[in-house]
Amino acid sequence: MGDRAMGQRAGRMIARLTAMVAALLVLLQPVAANAWGYYGHATTGRIALANVKPQTRAAIARLIAHQAELGTPDCPIHSLAEAATWPDCLRGQYWR
C-alpha cells in the first residue's frame, strides 16, 4: 500500500471519527423537560379521583378543606386536580 492510499485511508478514518464525536455531542446535550406540567398533573388528579372509593374521596375533600393552612394564597386548592398541580404553581410563583 502506498503512502497516498494510507493517507486517504487515515483521512477517511479521521472524518468518520469526527462525525461520530459530533453525533455523540449532539445526542448527549441536555434537553429541557417540561415533564407533565399543569395539564398532565391535573388530568392525573381527575383520573385518580374518578377511581377511588367514596370513603377516600371524602377523606380527600376533608384534606382539601384545610388548604388555607398551607399559606399559599396564590396557589389555591379546591379539588384534587388543583392539588395535583399545586407543586407546579409553587414552582412558578417562587422559583423564578
Protein backbone atom coordinates (compact mmCIF):
# COMPACT_ATOMS: atom_id res chain seq x y z
CA MET A 1 0.00 0.00 0.00
CA GLY A 2 1.42 3.35 -0.99
CA ASP A 3 1.75 6.49 1.09
CA ARG A 4 -1.07 8.15 -0.81
CA ALA A 5 -3.50 5.28 -0.16
CA MET A 6 -2.61 5.24 3.55
CA GLY A 7 -3.10 8.99 3.73
CA GLN A 8 -6.55 8.73 2.14
CA ARG A 9 -7.49 5.89 4.48
CA ALA A 10 -6.33 7.87 7.51
CA GLY A 11 -8.29 10.90 6.28
CA ARG A 12 -11.47 8.83 5.99
CA MET A 13 -10.95 7.39 9.48
CA ILE A 14 -10.48 10.87 10.94
CA ALA A 15 -13.59 12.10 9.12
CA ARG A 16 -15.64 9.17 10.48
CA LEU A 17 -14.30 9.67 13.99
CA THR A 18 -15.09 13.38 13.83
CA ALA A 19 -18.63 12.64 12.61
CA MET A 20 -19.17 10.11 15.41
CA VAL A 21 -17.90 12.51 18.08
CA ALA A 22 -20.10 15.29 16.69
CA ALA A 23 -23.13 12.98 16.68
CA LEU A 24 -22.44 11.93 20.26
CA LEU A 25 -22.13 15.54 21.37
CA VAL A 26 -25.47 16.38 19.77
CA LEU A 27 -27.20 13.34 21.26
CA LEU A 28 -25.82 13.90 24.75
CA GLN A 29 -26.94 17.52 25.01
CA PRO A 30 -29.32 18.08 27.91
CA VAL A 31 -32.87 18.75 26.80
CA ALA A 32 -35.26 20.88 28.79
CA ALA A 33 -38.08 18.73 30.09
CA ASN A 34 -41.46 20.13 30.93
CA ALA A 35 -42.35 16.79 32.41
CA TRP A 36 -46.08 16.67 32.99
CA GLY A 37 -46.79 20.31 33.65
CA TYR A 38 -50.14 21.69 34.74
CA TYR A 39 -52.39 19.78 32.34
CA GLY A 40 -50.72 16.42 32.90
CA HIS A 41 -50.88 16.71 36.67
CA ALA A 42 -54.48 18.00 36.64
CA THR A 43 -55.52 15.10 34.41
CA THR A 44 -53.81 12.66 36.77
CA GLY A 45 -55.72 14.18 39.69
CA ARG A 46 -59.05 13.86 37.86
CA ILE A 47 -58.34 10.26 36.90
CA ALA A 48 -57.31 9.44 40.47
CA LEU A 49 -60.48 10.97 41.91
CA ALA A 50 -62.62 9.02 39.46
CA ASN A 51 -61.03 5.76 40.61
CA VAL A 52 -61.10 5.98 44.41
CA LYS A 53 -63.63 4.66 46.88
CA PRO A 54 -66.25 7.07 48.24
CA GLN A 55 -64.57 6.98 51.66
CA THR A 56 -61.27 8.02 50.09
CA ARG A 57 -62.99 10.77 48.13
CA ALA A 58 -64.48 12.08 51.40
CA ALA A 59 -61.05 11.99 53.09
CA ILE A 60 -59.55 13.93 50.18
CA ALA A 61 -62.33 16.52 50.48
CA ARG A 62 -61.57 16.89 54.22
CA LEU A 63 -57.88 17.45 53.46
CA ILE A 64 -58.64 19.98 50.73
CA ALA A 65 -60.89 21.87 53.17
CA HIS A 66 -57.72 22.71 55.13
CA GLN A 67 -55.85 24.13 52.13
CA ALA A 68 -55.75 27.63 53.66
CA GLU A 69 -53.34 26.28 56.29
CA LEU A 70 -50.76 25.80 53.55
CA GLY A 71 -50.26 29.55 53.41
CA THR A 72 -50.14 29.71 49.63
CA PRO A 73 -52.97 32.06 48.60
CA ASP A 74 -51.58 32.37 45.07
CA CYS A 75 -51.94 28.60 44.64
CA PRO A 76 -55.41 27.69 45.94
CA ILE A 77 -56.60 24.11 46.11
CA HIS A 78 -60.31 23.42 45.62
CA SER A 79 -60.08 19.97 44.02
CA LEU A 80 -57.74 17.02 43.68
CA ALA A 81 -56.86 18.26 40.19
CA GLU A 82 -55.67 21.55 41.70
CA ALA A 83 -53.86 19.67 44.47
CA ALA A 84 -52.03 17.68 41.81
CA THR A 85 -50.85 20.92 40.19
CA TRP A 86 -50.02 22.70 43.45
CA PRO A 87 -46.24 21.98 43.22
CA ASP A 88 -46.24 23.35 39.66
CA CYS A 89 -47.94 26.51 40.90
CA LEU A 90 -45.41 26.91 43.72
CA ARG A 91 -42.51 26.42 41.36
CA GLY A 92 -43.93 29.05 39.04
CA GLN A 93 -44.56 31.50 41.88
CA TYR A 94 -41.45 31.17 43.99
CA TRP A 95 -38.65 29.67 41.88
CA ARG A 96 -38.38 32.22 39.09
